[in-house]
Amino acid sequence: MAQPFLGRAAVADNTSRIVYEMTISHSEFFRTLPAVMGALPYAVDGSEVSAVQDTCRLKINLSPEGRRNFGPIPLPVTHVELAFDGYSPEEAQAFLARFNNYFRRGGG
């Protein structure tokens, strides 16, 4: 199985893709999502979130939920892809700062 891309990739002008490997279940992700999105209108379709505002489009895709053991403790693992289209670098960075503030946990 190929390893997922983890990091940032510029795809084209004003388009970028970022993938995080997160220790989070889908249910916990979707419980936190409304706070992350704030006033940005969005729709959820299964494991995909889409938001459109003016000329900016954001898509968030969740991989199937996996598991990783930390010693005897099983932890959920989800790869979360964020694709920004039409966002300036500053706008994308502002959203990512908000996203990271809501999802960041102890340990980095």
N, C-alpha and C. Protein backbone atom coordinates (compact mmCIF):
# COMPACT_ATOMS: atom_id res chain seq x y z
N MET A 1 0.84 -1.17 0.00
CA MET A 1 0.00 0.00 0.00
C MET A 1 0.89 1.23 0.00
N ALA A 2 0.59 2.20 -0.84
CA ALA A 2 1.38 3.43 -0.91
C ALA A 2 1.13 4.29 0.32
N GLN A 3 2.18 4.96 0.75
CA GLN A 3 2.06 5.86 1.88
C GLN A 3 1.35 7.13 1.42
N PRO A 4 0.47 7.70 2.24
CA PRO A 4 -0.20 8.94 1.86
C PRO A 4 0.78 10.09 1.91
N PHE A 5 0.52 11.10 1.09
CA PHE A 5 1.30 12.33 1.14
C PHE A 5 0.95 13.05 2.42
N LEU A 6 1.94 13.40 3.18
CA LEU A 6 1.71 14.14 4.42
C LEU A 6 2.50 15.44 4.32
N GLY A 7 1.82 16.52 4.18
CA GLY A 7 2.49 17.81 4.07
C GLY A 7 1.72 18.73 3.16
N ARG A 8 2.45 19.62 2.53
CA ARG A 8 1.82 20.66 1.72
C ARG A 8 2.31 20.53 0.29
N ALA A 9 1.41 20.72 -0.66
CA ALA A 9 1.79 20.71 -2.07
C ALA A 9 1.06 21.83 -2.79
N ALA A 10 1.80 22.66 -3.49
CA ALA A 10 1.17 23.66 -4.33
C ALA A 10 0.78 22.97 -5.63
N VAL A 11 -0.49 23.00 -5.97
CA VAL A 11 -0.97 22.29 -7.14
C VAL A 11 -1.00 23.22 -8.35
N ALA A 12 -1.46 24.43 -8.18
CA ALA A 12 -1.52 25.43 -9.25
C ALA A 12 -1.67 26.79 -8.57
N ASP A 13 -1.76 27.84 -9.36
CA ASP A 13 -1.95 29.16 -8.78
C ASP A 13 -3.19 29.17 -7.89
N ASN A 14 -3.04 29.68 -6.69
CA ASN A 14 -4.14 29.80 -5.72
C ASN A 14 -4.80 28.47 -5.39
N THR A 15 -4.11 27.37 -5.61
CA THR A 15 -4.62 26.06 -5.24
C THR A 15 -3.54 25.34 -4.46
N SER A 16 -3.90 24.79 -3.33
CA SER A 16 -2.93 24.00 -2.57
C SER A 16 -3.65 22.86 -1.88
N ARG A 17 -2.87 21.85 -1.55
CA ARG A 17 -3.40 20.65 -0.92
C ARG A 17 -2.51 20.32 0.27
N ILE A 18 -3.14 20.02 1.38
CA ILE A 18 -2.42 19.68 2.60
C ILE A 18 -3.06 18.42 3.16
N VAL A 19 -2.23 17.48 3.60
CA VAL A 19 -2.74 16.25 4.19
C VAL A 19 -2.12 16.09 5.57
N TYR A 20 -2.99 15.87 6.54
CA TYR A 20 -2.56 15.61 7.91
C TYR A 20 -2.87 14.16 8.27
N GLU A 21 -1.98 13.53 9.01
CA GLU A 21 -2.29 12.26 9.65
C GLU A 21 -2.70 12.63 11.07
N MET A 22 -3.96 12.39 11.39
CA MET A 22 -4.49 12.84 12.68
C MET A 22 -4.93 11.65 13.52
N THR A 23 -4.67 11.74 14.80
CA THR A 23 -5.13 10.73 15.75
C THR A 23 -6.52 11.17 16.21
N ILE A 24 -7.51 10.85 15.38
CA ILE A 24 -8.87 11.30 15.64
C ILE A 24 -9.84 10.35 14.93
N SER A 25 -10.99 10.12 15.56
CA SER A 25 -12.04 9.33 14.92
C SER A 25 -12.88 10.26 14.05
N HIS A 26 -13.62 9.67 13.12
CA HIS A 26 -14.51 10.48 12.29
C HIS A 26 -15.55 11.19 13.15
N SER A 27 -16.11 10.49 14.13
CA SER A 27 -17.16 11.12 14.95
C SER A 27 -16.60 12.31 15.72
N GLU A 28 -15.39 12.20 16.24
CA GLU A 28 -14.79 13.32 16.96
C GLU A 28 -14.48 14.48 16.00
N PHE A 29 -14.00 14.16 14.80
CA PHE A 29 -13.73 15.19 13.80
C PHE A 29 -15.00 15.98 13.50
N PHE A 30 -16.10 15.27 13.24
CA PHE A 30 -17.34 15.95 12.87
C PHE A 30 -18.00 16.67 14.05
N ARG A 31 -17.70 16.27 15.28
CA ARG A 31 -18.17 17.02 16.45
C ARG A 31 -17.46 18.37 16.55
N THR A 32 -16.18 18.41 16.17
CA THR A 32 -15.38 19.63 16.28
C THR A 32 -15.55 20.54 15.07
N LEU A 33 -15.95 19.99 13.94
CA LEU A 33 -16.01 20.73 12.68
C LEU A 33 -16.81 22.03 12.73
N PRO A 34 -18.00 22.10 13.33
CA PRO A 34 -18.73 23.37 13.32
C PRO A 34 -17.94 24.53 13.93
N ALA A 35 -17.20 24.27 14.99
CA ALA A 35 -16.39 25.33 15.60
C ALA A 35 -15.27 25.75 14.66
N VAL A 36 -14.67 24.79 13.98
CA VAL A 36 -13.58 25.08 13.04
C VAL A 36 -14.09 25.95 11.89
N MET A 37 -15.24 25.61 11.35
CA MET A 37 -15.76 26.31 10.18
C MET A 37 -16.30 27.69 10.52
N GLY A 38 -16.70 27.91 11.77
CA GLY A 38 -17.21 29.22 12.16
C GLY A 38 -18.38 29.63 11.29
N ALA A 39 -18.30 30.83 10.70
CA ALA A 39 -19.39 31.36 9.88
C ALA A 39 -19.32 30.89 8.43
N LEU A 40 -18.29 30.14 8.07
CA LEU A 40 -18.15 29.66 6.69
C LEU A 40 -19.21 28.59 6.41
N PRO A 41 -20.10 28.81 5.45
CA PRO A 41 -21.13 27.80 5.15
C PRO A 41 -20.48 26.56 4.53
N TYR A 42 -20.96 25.38 4.94
CA TYR A 42 -20.36 24.14 4.44
C TYR A 42 -21.41 23.04 4.38
N ALA A 43 -21.08 22.00 3.64
CA ALA A 43 -21.95 20.82 3.52
C ALA A 43 -21.10 19.58 3.74
N VAL A 44 -21.73 18.57 4.34
CA VAL A 44 -21.06 17.29 4.59
C VAL A 44 -21.75 16.22 3.76
N ASP A 45 -20.96 15.45 3.04
CA ASP A 45 -21.47 14.32 2.27
C ASP A 45 -20.58 13.13 2.59
N GLY A 46 -21.02 12.30 3.51
CA GLY A 46 -20.22 11.16 3.94
C GLY A 46 -18.95 11.62 4.63
N SER A 47 -17.80 11.32 4.04
CA SER A 47 -16.53 11.71 4.65
C SER A 47 -15.92 12.92 3.93
N GLU A 48 -16.74 13.66 3.18
CA GLU A 48 -16.26 14.85 2.47
C GLU A 48 -17.00 16.09 2.95
N VAL A 49 -16.24 17.14 3.16
CA VAL A 49 -16.79 18.44 3.55
C VAL A 49 -16.46 19.40 2.42
N SER A 50 -17.43 20.21 2.01
CA SER A 50 -17.16 21.22 0.99
C SER A 50 -17.73 22.55 1.45
N ALA A 51 -16.98 23.60 1.13
CA ALA A 51 -17.40 24.95 1.48
C ALA A 51 -17.08 25.86 0.30
N VAL A 52 -18.01 26.72 -0.03
CA VAL A 52 -17.81 27.69 -1.11
C VAL A 52 -18.22 29.05 -0.59
N GLN A 53 -17.33 30.01 -0.78
CA GLN A 53 -17.64 31.39 -0.39
C GLN A 53 -16.98 32.30 -1.42
N ASP A 54 -17.80 33.06 -2.12
CA ASP A 54 -17.32 33.91 -3.21
C ASP A 54 -16.59 33.05 -4.23
N THR A 55 -15.33 33.33 -4.50
CA THR A 55 -14.57 32.54 -5.49
C THR A 55 -13.69 31.49 -4.84
N CYS A 56 -13.83 31.30 -3.53
CA CYS A 56 -12.99 30.34 -2.80
C CYS A 56 -13.75 29.04 -2.57
N ARG A 57 -13.04 27.92 -2.80
CA ARG A 57 -13.62 26.60 -2.54
C ARG A 57 -12.67 25.82 -1.64
N LEU A 58 -13.25 25.17 -0.65
CA LEU A 58 -12.48 24.33 0.27
C LEU A 58 -13.11 22.95 0.26
N LYS A 59 -12.28 21.93 0.10
CA LYS A 59 -12.75 20.54 0.23
C LYS A 59 -11.91 19.87 1.28
N ILE A 60 -12.57 19.15 2.16
CA ILE A 60 -11.89 18.36 3.19
C ILE A 60 -12.34 16.92 3.01
N ASN A 61 -11.39 16.03 2.81
CA ASN A 61 -11.69 14.60 2.65
C ASN A 61 -11.04 13.81 3.77
N LEU A 62 -11.80 12.90 4.36
CA LEU A 62 -11.28 12.02 5.40
C LEU A 62 -11.08 10.63 4.83
N SER A 63 -9.92 10.04 5.13
CA SER A 63 -9.66 8.66 4.73
C SER A 63 -10.51 7.73 5.58
N PRO A 64 -10.60 6.47 5.20
CA PRO A 64 -11.23 5.52 6.12
C PRO A 64 -10.48 5.54 7.45
N GLU A 65 -11.21 5.39 8.52
CA GLU A 65 -10.61 5.43 9.86
C GLU A 65 -9.77 4.17 10.09
N GLY A 66 -8.55 4.37 10.50
CA GLY A 66 -7.66 3.26 10.81
C GLY A 66 -7.40 3.19 12.30
N ARG A 67 -6.51 2.31 12.69
CA ARG A 67 -6.13 2.15 14.10
C ARG A 67 -4.62 2.01 14.18
N ARG A 68 -4.06 2.54 15.25
CA ARG A 68 -2.65 2.37 15.56
C ARG A 68 -2.56 2.11 17.05
N ASN A 69 -1.72 1.18 17.41
CA ASN A 69 -1.55 0.87 18.83
C ASN A 69 -0.40 1.68 19.41
N PHE A 70 -0.65 2.28 20.54
CA PHE A 70 0.36 2.97 21.32
C PHE A 70 0.52 2.14 22.58
N GLY A 71 1.42 1.16 22.49
CA GLY A 71 1.50 0.16 23.55
C GLY A 71 0.20 -0.62 23.54
N PRO A 72 -0.44 -0.75 24.70
CA PRO A 72 -1.70 -1.49 24.75
C PRO A 72 -2.93 -0.64 24.38
N ILE A 73 -2.70 0.63 24.03
CA ILE A 73 -3.82 1.54 23.78
C ILE A 73 -4.04 1.70 22.28
N PRO A 74 -5.22 1.28 21.77
CA PRO A 74 -5.52 1.50 20.35
C PRO A 74 -5.98 2.95 20.13
N LEU A 75 -5.45 3.58 19.10
CA LEU A 75 -5.81 4.96 18.78
C LEU A 75 -6.38 5.03 17.37
N PRO A 76 -7.40 5.87 17.15
CA PRO A 76 -7.92 6.05 15.80
C PRO A 76 -6.92 6.88 14.98
N VAL A 77 -6.83 6.60 13.69
CA VAL A 77 -5.97 7.37 12.79
C VAL A 77 -6.76 7.69 11.53
N THR A 78 -6.78 8.96 11.17
CA THR A 78 -7.47 9.41 9.96
C THR A 78 -6.56 10.37 9.20
N HIS A 79 -6.42 10.15 7.90
CA HIS A 79 -5.71 11.11 7.05
C HIS A 79 -6.74 12.13 6.58
N VAL A 80 -6.45 13.40 6.81
CA VAL A 80 -7.37 14.48 6.48
C VAL A 80 -6.72 15.34 5.41
N GLU A 81 -7.35 15.41 4.24
CA GLU A 81 -6.84 16.22 3.13
C GLU A 81 -7.66 17.49 3.02
N LEU A 82 -6.98 18.62 3.00
CA LEU A 82 -7.61 19.92 2.80
C LEU A 82 -7.14 20.45 1.45
N ALA A 83 -8.07 20.77 0.57
CA ALA A 83 -7.74 21.31 -0.75
C ALA A 83 -8.35 22.71 -0.86
N PHE A 84 -7.49 23.69 -1.04
CA PHE A 84 -7.89 25.09 -1.15
C PHE A 84 -7.83 25.51 -2.61
N ASP A 85 -8.91 26.08 -3.11
CA ASP A 85 -8.95 26.57 -4.49
C ASP A 85 -9.44 28.01 -4.47
N GLY A 86 -8.65 28.91 -5.02
CA GLY A 86 -9.04 30.32 -5.07
C GLY A 86 -8.65 31.10 -3.83
N TYR A 87 -8.05 30.45 -2.85
CA TYR A 87 -7.62 31.13 -1.63
C TYR A 87 -6.26 31.77 -1.86
N SER A 88 -6.07 32.97 -1.35
CA SER A 88 -4.72 33.55 -1.33
C SER A 88 -3.92 32.79 -0.28
N PRO A 89 -2.60 32.84 -0.35
CA PRO A 89 -1.81 32.16 0.69
C PRO A 89 -2.17 32.63 2.10
N GLU A 90 -2.47 33.91 2.24
CA GLU A 90 -2.83 34.44 3.56
C GLU A 90 -4.18 33.90 4.04
N GLU A 91 -5.14 33.79 3.13
CA GLU A 91 -6.46 33.25 3.50
C GLU A 91 -6.35 31.78 3.88
N ALA A 92 -5.60 31.02 3.11
CA ALA A 92 -5.43 29.60 3.43
C ALA A 92 -4.71 29.44 4.76
N GLN A 93 -3.68 30.25 4.99
CA GLN A 93 -2.93 30.18 6.25
C GLN A 93 -3.82 30.54 7.44
N ALA A 94 -4.69 31.52 7.27
CA ALA A 94 -5.61 31.90 8.36
C ALA A 94 -6.55 30.74 8.69
N PHE A 95 -7.08 30.06 7.65
CA PHE A 95 -7.96 28.92 7.92
C PHE A 95 -7.18 27.81 8.60
N LEU A 96 -5.97 27.52 8.12
CA LEU A 96 -5.17 26.45 8.72
C LEU A 96 -4.82 26.75 10.17
N ALA A 97 -4.57 28.01 10.49
CA ALA A 97 -4.29 28.37 11.88
C ALA A 97 -5.50 28.06 12.75
N ARG A 98 -6.69 28.39 12.27
CA ARG A 98 -7.92 28.08 13.02
C ARG A 98 -8.11 26.57 13.13
N PHE A 99 -7.94 25.85 12.03
CA PHE A 99 -8.06 24.40 12.00
C PHE A 99 -7.11 23.77 13.03
N ASN A 100 -5.86 24.18 12.98
CA ASN A 100 -4.86 23.63 13.90
C ASN A 100 -5.16 23.97 15.35
N ASN A 101 -5.65 25.16 15.61
CA ASN A 101 -5.98 25.53 17.00
C ASN A 101 -7.08 24.65 17.57
N TYR A 102 -8.05 24.28 16.76
CA TYR A 102 -9.15 23.44 17.26
C TYR A 102 -8.76 21.97 17.35
N PHE A 103 -7.88 21.51 16.48
CA PHE A 103 -7.55 20.09 16.47
C PHE A 103 -6.24 19.74 17.15
N ARG A 104 -5.43 20.72 17.47
CA ARG A 104 -4.12 20.43 18.09
C ARG A 104 -4.32 19.80 19.46
N ARG A 105 -3.44 18.85 19.73
CA ARG A 105 -3.47 18.18 21.03
C ARG A 105 -2.08 18.24 21.63
N GLY A 106 -1.98 17.92 22.88
CA GLY A 106 -0.68 17.89 23.54
C GLY A 106 0.27 16.95 22.82
N GLY A 107 1.55 17.28 22.84
CA GLY A 107 2.55 16.43 22.20
C GLY A 107 2.96 16.91 20.84
N GLY A 108 2.37 18.01 20.36
CA GLY A 108 2.82 18.57 19.08
C GLY A 108 1.98 18.19 18.00
